[in-house]
Amino acid sequence: MASTDEYLRLDRQICFALNSASRAFGGVYRTLLKDLGLTYPQYLVMLVLWEATEDEGPLPVKRLGERLRLDSGTLSPLLKRLEANGLVRRERSAADERSVTVTLTDSGATLKDRAAGIPRRIAAATGFDLEEIESLRTRLEHLTTALDEWEKSSPAGD
Protein backbone atom coordinates (compact mmCIF):
# COMPACT_ATOMS: atom_id res chain seq x y z
CA MET A 1 0.00 0.00 0.00
CA ALA A 2 1.30 3.46 -0.91
CA SER A 3 2.18 5.96 1.79
CA THR A 4 0.36 9.27 2.19
CA ASP A 5 3.35 11.05 0.68
CA GLU A 6 3.12 8.77 -2.35
CA TYR A 7 -0.44 9.98 -3.02
CA LEU A 8 0.77 13.58 -2.94
CA ARG A 9 3.09 13.06 -5.89
CA LEU A 10 2.17 15.05 -9.01
CA ASP A 11 2.25 11.96 -11.21
CA ARG A 12 -0.40 10.31 -8.99
CA GLN A 13 -2.95 13.12 -9.43
CA ILE A 14 -5.89 12.35 -11.72
CA CYS A 15 -6.57 16.07 -12.06
CA PHE A 16 -3.07 16.61 -13.45
CA ALA A 17 -3.41 13.70 -15.88
CA LEU A 18 -6.74 15.10 -17.10
CA ASN A 19 -5.33 18.62 -17.38
CA SER A 20 -2.30 17.35 -19.31
CA ALA A 21 -4.53 15.38 -21.70
CA SER A 22 -6.75 18.43 -22.15
CA ARG A 23 -3.77 20.61 -23.02
CA ALA A 24 -2.51 17.98 -25.47
CA PHE A 25 -5.96 17.84 -27.09
CA GLY A 26 -5.88 21.62 -27.31
CA GLY A 27 -2.70 21.48 -29.36
CA VAL A 28 -4.14 18.92 -31.77
CA TYR A 29 -7.39 20.85 -32.13
CA ARG A 30 -5.49 24.12 -32.65
CA THR A 31 -3.69 22.53 -35.61
CA LEU A 32 -6.80 20.88 -37.09
CA LEU A 33 -9.11 23.88 -36.64
CA LYS A 34 -6.68 26.40 -38.11
CA ASP A 35 -7.99 25.79 -41.65
CA LEU A 36 -11.55 26.37 -40.44
CA GLY A 37 -10.61 29.66 -38.78
CA LEU A 38 -11.97 28.44 -35.44
CA THR A 39 -10.57 28.18 -31.96
CA TYR A 40 -11.46 25.13 -29.90
CA PRO A 41 -14.12 26.97 -27.82
CA GLN A 42 -15.63 28.36 -31.04
CA TYR A 43 -15.67 24.84 -32.49
CA LEU A 44 -17.63 23.63 -29.46
CA VAL A 45 -20.17 26.41 -29.97
CA MET A 46 -20.49 25.43 -33.62
CA LEU A 47 -20.96 21.76 -32.73
CA VAL A 48 -23.90 22.63 -30.49
CA LEU A 49 -25.39 24.94 -33.11
CA TRP A 50 -25.03 22.37 -35.91
CA GLU A 51 -26.80 19.87 -33.69
CA ALA A 52 -29.48 22.35 -32.61
CA THR A 53 -30.19 23.43 -36.18
CA GLU A 54 -31.14 19.85 -36.97
CA ASP A 55 -33.23 19.41 -33.82
CA GLU A 56 -34.37 22.73 -32.39
CA GLY A 57 -33.72 25.68 -34.70
CA PRO A 58 -32.49 28.96 -33.14
CA LEU A 59 -30.96 28.33 -29.75
CA PRO A 60 -31.27 30.65 -26.74
CA VAL A 61 -27.87 31.81 -25.50
CA LYS A 62 -28.82 30.56 -22.04
CA ARG A 63 -29.40 27.04 -23.36
CA LEU A 64 -26.15 27.17 -25.36
CA GLY A 65 -24.27 28.12 -22.18
CA GLU A 66 -25.87 25.25 -20.27
CA ARG A 67 -24.90 22.74 -22.96
CA LEU A 68 -21.29 23.99 -23.02
CA ARG A 69 -21.04 24.58 -19.26
CA LEU A 70 -20.01 28.19 -19.93
CA ASP A 71 -21.21 31.35 -18.24
CA SER A 72 -22.41 34.32 -20.27
CA GLY A 73 -19.18 36.26 -19.58
CA THR A 74 -17.23 33.56 -21.41
CA LEU A 75 -19.82 32.75 -24.05
CA SER A 76 -20.65 36.30 -25.17
CA PRO A 77 -17.19 37.11 -26.58
CA LEU A 78 -17.15 33.74 -28.40
CA LEU A 79 -20.49 34.50 -30.01
CA LYS A 80 -19.46 38.05 -30.84
CA ARG A 81 -16.37 36.77 -32.66
CA LEU A 82 -18.35 34.07 -34.51
CA GLU A 83 -20.87 36.73 -35.52
CA ALA A 84 -18.09 39.07 -36.72
CA ASN A 85 -16.77 36.16 -38.82
CA GLY A 86 -20.21 35.73 -40.39
CA LEU A 87 -20.89 32.28 -38.94
CA VAL A 88 -23.76 33.06 -36.54
CA ARG A 89 -26.43 35.67 -36.01
CA ARG A 90 -27.63 36.80 -32.57
CA GLU A 91 -31.15 38.18 -32.23
CA ARG A 92 -33.35 39.27 -29.36
CA SER A 93 -36.34 36.99 -28.96
CA ALA A 94 -39.61 38.59 -30.04
CA ALA A 95 -41.38 36.66 -27.28
CA ASP A 96 -38.95 37.72 -24.53
CA GLU A 97 -36.72 40.78 -25.04
CA ARG A 98 -34.35 39.52 -22.32
CA SER A 99 -33.58 36.37 -24.28
CA VAL A 100 -31.10 36.27 -27.15
CA THR A 101 -31.12 33.45 -29.67
CA VAL A 102 -28.28 32.28 -31.87
CA THR A 103 -28.77 31.05 -35.41
CA LEU A 104 -26.27 29.77 -37.92
CA THR A 105 -25.74 31.81 -41.05
CA ASP A 106 -25.43 30.04 -44.39
CA SER A 107 -21.63 30.26 -43.99
CA GLY A 108 -21.86 28.73 -40.52
CA ALA A 109 -24.03 25.89 -41.78
CA THR A 110 -21.69 25.27 -44.72
CA LEU A 111 -18.68 25.10 -42.39
CA LYS A 112 -20.13 21.86 -40.99
CA ASP A 113 -19.16 20.02 -44.18
CA ARG A 114 -15.57 21.25 -43.89
CA ALA A 115 -15.46 20.19 -40.22
CA ALA A 116 -16.81 16.70 -40.87
CA GLY A 117 -13.37 15.06 -40.87
CA ILE A 118 -12.21 16.59 -37.57
CA PRO A 119 -13.56 13.84 -35.24
CA ARG A 120 -11.95 11.11 -37.35
CA ARG A 121 -8.62 12.94 -37.31
CA ILE A 122 -8.85 13.47 -33.54
CA ALA A 123 -9.59 9.77 -33.07
CA ALA A 124 -6.56 8.88 -35.16
CA ALA A 125 -4.38 11.23 -33.10
CA THR A 126 -5.33 9.42 -29.87
CA GLY A 127 -4.11 6.05 -31.09
CA PHE A 128 -7.27 4.53 -29.55
CA ASP A 129 -9.81 2.46 -31.41
CA LEU A 130 -13.43 3.66 -31.46
CA GLU A 131 -14.46 1.33 -28.63
CA GLU A 132 -11.69 2.68 -26.38
CA ILE A 133 -12.66 6.27 -27.21
CA GLU A 134 -16.33 5.60 -26.43
CA SER A 135 -15.43 3.86 -23.17
CA LEU A 136 -13.19 6.73 -22.09
CA ARG A 137 -15.81 9.33 -23.00
CA THR A 138 -18.46 7.45 -21.01
CA ARG A 139 -16.18 7.14 -18.00
CA LEU A 140 -15.35 10.85 -18.15
CA GLU A 141 -19.07 11.69 -18.26
CA HIS A 142 -19.58 9.54 -15.14
CA LEU A 143 -16.64 11.28 -13.48
CA THR A 144 -18.08 14.70 -14.31
CA THR A 145 -21.48 13.73 -12.92
CA ALA A 146 -19.93 12.39 -9.72
CA LEU A 147 -17.85 15.54 -9.24
CA ASP A 148 -20.86 17.78 -9.94
CA GLU A 149 -22.92 15.85 -7.38
CA TRP A 150 -20.14 16.05 -4.81
CA GLU A 151 -19.85 19.80 -5.31
CA LYS A 152 -23.61 20.29 -4.89
CA SER A 153 -23.77 18.22 -1.70
CA SER A 154 -20.52 19.29 -0.07
CA PRO A 155 -20.74 22.01 2.56
CA ALA A 156 -18.55 25.01 1.72
CA GLY A 157 -15.04 24.67 3.03
CA ASP A 158 -14.95 20.86 3.20
C-alpha atoms as a PDB file:
ATOM      1  CA  MET A   1       0.000   0.000   0.000  1.00  0.00           C
ATOM      2  CA  ALA A   2       1.296   3.465  -0.912  1.00  0.00           C
ATOM      3  CA  SER A   3       2.180   5.962   1.792  1.00  0.00           C
ATOM      4  CA  THR A   4       0.356   9.266   2.191  1.00  0.00           C
ATOM      5  CA  ASP A   5       3.351  11.049   0.678  1.00  0.00           C
ATOM      6  CA  GLU A   6       3.122   8.765  -2.354  1.00  0.00           C
ATOM      7  CA  TYR A   7      -0.441   9.981  -3.016  1.00  0.00           C
ATOM      8  CA  LEU A   8       0.767  13.584  -2.937  1.00  0.00           C
ATOM      9  CA  ARG A   9       3.087  13.059  -5.888  1.00  0.00           C
ATOM     10  CA  LEU A  10       2.174  15.051  -9.007  1.00  0.00           C
ATOM     11  CA  ASP A  11       2.248  11.964 -11.212  1.00  0.00           C
ATOM     12  CA  ARG A  12      -0.396  10.307  -8.995  1.00  0.00           C
ATOM     13  CA  GLN A  13      -2.951  13.118  -9.425  1.00  0.00           C
ATOM     14  CA  ILE A  14      -5.892  12.349 -11.722  1.00  0.00           C
ATOM     15  CA  CYS A  15      -6.568  16.069 -12.063  1.00  0.00           C
ATOM     16  CA  PHE A  16      -3.067  16.612 -13.449  1.00  0.00           C
ATOM     17  CA  ALA A  17      -3.410  13.701 -15.881  1.00  0.00           C
ATOM     18  CA  LEU A  18      -6.740  15.105 -17.103  1.00  0.00           C
ATOM     19  CA  ASN A  19      -5.332  18.620 -17.385  1.00  0.00           C
ATOM     20  CA  SER A  20      -2.298  17.349 -19.313  1.00  0.00           C
ATOM     21  CA  ALA A  21      -4.527  15.383 -21.697  1.00  0.00           C
ATOM     22  CA  SER A  22      -6.753  18.432 -22.154  1.00  0.00           C
ATOM     23  CA  ARG A  23      -3.769  20.606 -23.023  1.00  0.00           C
ATOM     24  CA  ALA A  24      -2.515  17.976 -25.475  1.00  0.00           C
ATOM     25  CA  PHE A  25      -5.958  17.839 -27.090  1.00  0.00           C
ATOM     26  CA  GLY A  26      -5.877  21.619 -27.312  1.00  0.00           C
ATOM     27  CA  GLY A  27      -2.696  21.480 -29.359  1.00  0.00           C
ATOM     28  CA  VAL A  28      -4.138  18.916 -31.766  1.00  0.00           C
ATOM     29  CA  TYR A  29      -7.388  20.851 -32.131  1.00  0.00           C
ATOM     30  CA  ARG A  30      -5.492  24.121 -32.654  1.00  0.00           C
ATOM     31  CA  THR A  31      -3.695  22.526 -35.612  1.00  0.00           C
ATOM     32  CA  LEU A  32      -6.795  20.884 -37.093  1.00  0.00           C
ATOM     33  CA  LEU A  33      -9.107  23.876 -36.639  1.00  0.00           C
ATOM     34  CA  LYS A  34      -6.682  26.404 -38.112  1.00  0.00           C
ATOM     35  CA  ASP A  35      -7.994  25.786 -41.650  1.00  0.00           C
ATOM     36  CA  LEU A  36     -11.547  26.371 -40.443  1.00  0.00           C
ATOM     37  CA  GLY A  37     -10.609  29.657 -38.780  1.00  0.00           C
ATOM     38  CA  LEU A  38     -11.972  28.443 -35.445  1.00  0.00           C
ATOM     39  CA  THR A  39     -10.568  28.180 -31.956  1.00  0.00           C
ATOM     40  CA  TYR A  40     -11.460  25.125 -29.896  1.00  0.00           C
ATOM     41  CA  PRO A  41     -14.116  26.967 -27.819  1.00  0.00           C
ATOM     42  CA  GLN A  42     -15.630  28.364 -31.036  1.00  0.00           C
ATOM     43  CA  TYR A  43     -15.672  24.845 -32.491  1.00  0.00           C
ATOM     44  CA  LEU A  44     -17.626  23.628 -29.456  1.00  0.00           C
ATOM     45  CA  VAL A  45     -20.175  26.407 -29.974  1.00  0.00           C
ATOM     46  CA  MET A  46     -20.494  25.434 -33.624  1.00  0.00           C
ATOM     47  CA  LEU A  47     -20.958  21.756 -32.727  1.00  0.00           C
ATOM     48  CA  VAL A  48     -23.900  22.631 -30.485  1.00  0.00           C
ATOM     49  CA  LEU A  49     -25.388  24.940 -33.109  1.00  0.00           C
ATOM     50  CA  TRP A  50     -25.030  22.369 -35.908  1.00  0.00           C
ATOM     51  CA  GLU A  51     -26.804  19.867 -33.691  1.00  0.00           C
ATOM     52  CA  ALA A  52     -29.482  22.347 -32.614  1.00  0.00           C
ATOM     53  CA  THR A  53     -30.186  23.428 -36.177  1.00  0.00           C
ATOM     54  CA  GLU A  54     -31.136  19.853 -36.969  1.00  0.00           C
ATOM     55  CA  ASP A  55     -33.232  19.410 -33.818  1.00  0.00           C
ATOM     56  CA  GLU A  56     -34.371  22.732 -32.391  1.00  0.00           C
ATOM     57  CA  GLY A  57     -33.725  25.677 -34.700  1.00  0.00           C
ATOM     58  CA  PRO A  58     -32.494  28.959 -33.139  1.00  0.00           C
ATOM     59  CA  LEU A  59     -30.961  28.328 -29.747  1.00  0.00           C
ATOM     60  CA  PRO A  60     -31.273  30.646 -26.744  1.00  0.00           C
ATOM     61  CA  VAL A  61     -27.869  31.815 -25.498  1.00  0.00           C
ATOM     62  CA  LYS A  62     -28.815  30.557 -22.036  1.00  0.00           C
ATOM     63  CA  ARG A  63     -29.400  27.037 -23.363  1.00  0.00           C
ATOM     64  CA  LEU A  64     -26.154  27.173 -25.360  1.00  0.00           C
ATOM     65  CA  GLY A  65     -24.266  28.124 -22.179  1.00  0.00           C
ATOM     66  CA  GLU A  66     -25.867  25.253 -20.273  1.00  0.00           C
ATOM     67  CA  ARG A  67     -24.898  22.740 -22.956  1.00  0.00           C
ATOM     68  CA  LEU A  68     -21.294  23.993 -23.016  1.00  0.00           C
ATOM     69  CA  ARG A  69     -21.037  24.585 -19.261  1.00  0.00           C
ATOM     70  CA  LEU A  70     -20.012  28.186 -19.935  1.00  0.00           C
ATOM     71  CA  ASP A  71     -21.206  31.352 -18.237  1.00  0.00           C
ATOM     72  CA  SER A  72     -22.406  34.325 -20.271  1.00  0.00           C
ATOM     73  CA  GLY A  73     -19.182  36.257 -19.577  1.00  0.00           C
ATOM     74  CA  THR A  74     -17.231  33.563 -21.406  1.00  0.00           C
ATOM     75  CA  LEU A  75     -19.822  32.748 -24.048  1.00  0.00           C
ATOM     76  CA  SER A  76     -20.655  36.305 -25.170  1.00  0.00           C
ATOM     77  CA  PRO A  77     -17.186  37.109 -26.581  1.00  0.00           C
ATOM     78  CA  LEU A  78     -17.148  33.742 -28.403  1.00  0.00           C
ATOM     79  CA  LEU A  79     -20.494  34.500 -30.014  1.00  0.00           C
ATOM     80  CA  LYS A  80     -19.459  38.050 -30.836  1.00  0.00           C
ATOM     81  CA  ARG A  81     -16.372  36.766 -32.656  1.00  0.00           C
ATOM     82  CA  LEU A  82     -18.351  34.074 -34.508  1.00  0.00           C
ATOM     83  CA  GLU A  83     -20.874  36.733 -35.522  1.00  0.00           C
ATOM     84  CA  ALA A  84     -18.088  39.069 -36.718  1.00  0.00           C
ATOM     85  CA  ASN A  85     -16.774  36.164 -38.819  1.00  0.00           C
ATOM     86  CA  GLY A  86     -20.209  35.733 -40.389  1.00  0.00           C
ATOM     87  CA  LEU A  87     -20.891  32.281 -38.940  1.00  0.00           C
ATOM     88  CA  VAL A  88     -23.759  33.065 -36.545  1.00  0.00           C
ATOM     89  CA  ARG A  89     -26.429  35.668 -36.014  1.00  0.00           C
ATOM     90  CA  ARG A  90     -27.631  36.803 -32.572  1.00  0.00           C
ATOM     91  CA  GLU A  91     -31.149  38.177 -32.231  1.00  0.00           C
ATOM     92  CA  ARG A  92     -33.348  39.267 -29.357  1.00  0.00           C
ATOM     93  CA  SER A  93     -36.339  36.994 -28.959  1.00  0.00           C
ATOM     94  CA  ALA A  94     -39.610  38.593 -30.041  1.00  0.00           C
ATOM     95  CA  ALA A  95     -41.381  36.665 -27.276  1.00  0.00           C
ATOM     96  CA  ASP A  96     -38.949  37.721 -24.531  1.00  0.00           C
ATOM     97  CA  GLU A  97     -36.715  40.779 -25.041  1.00  0.00           C
ATOM     98  CA  ARG A  98     -34.348  39.522 -22.318  1.00  0.00           C
ATOM     99  CA  SER A  99     -33.582  36.369 -24.279  1.00  0.00           C
ATOM    100  CA  VAL A 100     -31.102  36.269 -27.146  1.00  0.00           C
ATOM    101  CA  THR A 101     -31.124  33.445 -29.666  1.00  0.00           C
ATOM    102  CA  VAL A 102     -28.279  32.276 -31.869  1.00  0.00           C
ATOM    103  CA  THR A 103     -28.765  31.049 -35.411  1.00  0.00           C
ATOM    104  CA  LEU A 104     -26.268  29.769 -37.921  1.00  0.00           C
ATOM    105  CA  THR A 105     -25.739  31.811 -41.046  1.00  0.00           C
ATOM    106  CA  ASP A 106     -25.426  30.044 -44.391  1.00  0.00           C
ATOM    107  CA  SER A 107     -21.635  30.263 -43.988  1.00  0.00           C
ATOM    108  CA  GLY A 108     -21.862  28.732 -40.515  1.00  0.00           C
ATOM    109  CA  ALA A 109     -24.031  25.888 -41.776  1.00  0.00           C
ATOM    110  CA  THR A 110     -21.690  25.266 -44.718  1.00  0.00           C
ATOM    111  CA  LEU A 111     -18.684  25.096 -42.393  1.00  0.00           C
ATOM    112  CA  LYS A 112     -20.129  21.865 -40.988  1.00  0.00           C
ATOM    113  CA  ASP A 113     -19.163  20.017 -44.176  1.00  0.00           C
ATOM    114  CA  ARG A 114     -15.572  21.252 -43.888  1.00  0.00           C
ATOM    115  CA  ALA A 115     -15.460  20.189 -40.222  1.00  0.00           C
ATOM    116  CA  ALA A 116     -16.806  16.696 -40.873  1.00  0.00           C
ATOM    117  CA  GLY A 117     -13.372  15.063 -40.867  1.00  0.00           C
ATOM    118  CA  ILE A 118     -12.209  16.587 -37.572  1.00  0.00           C
ATOM    119  CA  PRO A 119     -13.564  13.837 -35.243  1.00  0.00           C
ATOM    120  CA  ARG A 120     -11.949  11.108 -37.353  1.00  0.00           C
ATOM    121  CA  ARG A 121      -8.616  12.942 -37.308  1.00  0.00           C
ATOM    122  CA  ILE A 122      -8.845  13.469 -33.542  1.00  0.00           C
ATOM    123  CA  ALA A 123      -9.592   9.770 -33.069  1.00  0.00           C
ATOM    124  CA  ALA A 124      -6.559   8.876 -35.161  1.00  0.00           C
ATOM    125  CA  ALA A 125      -4.378  11.230 -33.103  1.00  0.00           C
ATOM    126  CA  THR A 126      -5.333   9.423 -29.870  1.00  0.00           C
ATOM    127  CA  GLY A 127      -4.112   6.048 -31.091  1.00  0.00           C
ATOM    128  CA  PHE A 128      -7.267   4.532 -29.549  1.00  0.00           C
ATOM    129  CA  ASP A 129      -9.808   2.462 -31.415  1.00  0.00           C
ATOM    130  CA  LEU A 130     -13.428   3.663 -31.461  1.00  0.00           C
ATOM    131  CA  GLU A 131     -14.456   1.331 -28.633  1.00  0.00           C
ATOM    132  CA  GLU A 132     -11.692   2.683 -26.383  1.00  0.00           C
ATOM    133  CA  ILE A 133     -12.662   6.267 -27.209  1.00  0.00           C
ATOM    134  CA  GLU A 134     -16.330   5.605 -26.432  1.00  0.00           C
ATOM    135  CA  SER A 135     -15.426   3.863 -23.167  1.00  0.00           C
ATOM    136  CA  LEU A 136     -13.189   6.731 -22.090  1.00  0.00           C
ATOM    137  CA  ARG A 137     -15.810   9.332 -23.003  1.00  0.00           C
ATOM    138  CA  THR A 138     -18.463   7.446 -21.012  1.00  0.00           C
ATOM    139  CA  ARG A 139     -16.176   7.138 -17.998  1.00  0.00           C
ATOM    140  CA  LEU A 140     -15.352  10.853 -18.148  1.00  0.00           C
ATOM    141  CA  GLU A 141     -19.069  11.688 -18.261  1.00  0.00           C
ATOM    142  CA  HIS A 142     -19.577   9.541 -15.143  1.00  0.00           C
ATOM    143  CA  LEU A 143     -16.636  11.283 -13.484  1.00  0.00           C
ATOM    144  CA  THR A 144     -18.080  14.705 -14.312  1.00  0.00           C
ATOM    145  CA  THR A 145     -21.479  13.728 -12.925  1.00  0.00           C
ATOM    146  CA  ALA A 146     -19.929  12.389  -9.718  1.00  0.00           C
ATOM    147  CA  LEU A 147     -17.851  15.537  -9.235  1.00  0.00           C
ATOM    148  CA  ASP A 148     -20.856  17.783  -9.935  1.00  0.00           C
ATOM    149  CA  GLU A 149     -22.919  15.849  -7.382  1.00  0.00           C
ATOM    150  CA  TRP A 150     -20.145  16.052  -4.809  1.00  0.00           C
ATOM    151  CA  GLU A 151     -19.848  19.798  -5.305  1.00  0.00           C
ATOM    152  CA  LYS A 152     -23.611  20.287  -4.889  1.00  0.00           C
ATOM    153  CA  SER A 153     -23.771  18.225  -1.703  1.00  0.00           C
ATOM    154  CA  SER A 154     -20.516  19.287  -0.074  1.00  0.00           C
ATOM    155  CA  PRO A 155     -20.739  22.008   2.558  1.00  0.00           C
ATOM    156  CA  ALA A 156     -18.554  25.010   1.717  1.00  0.00           C
ATOM    157  CA  GLY A 157     -15.036  24.670   3.027  1.00  0.00           C
ATOM    158  CA  ASP A 158     -14.952  20.862   3.204  1.00  0.00           C
END
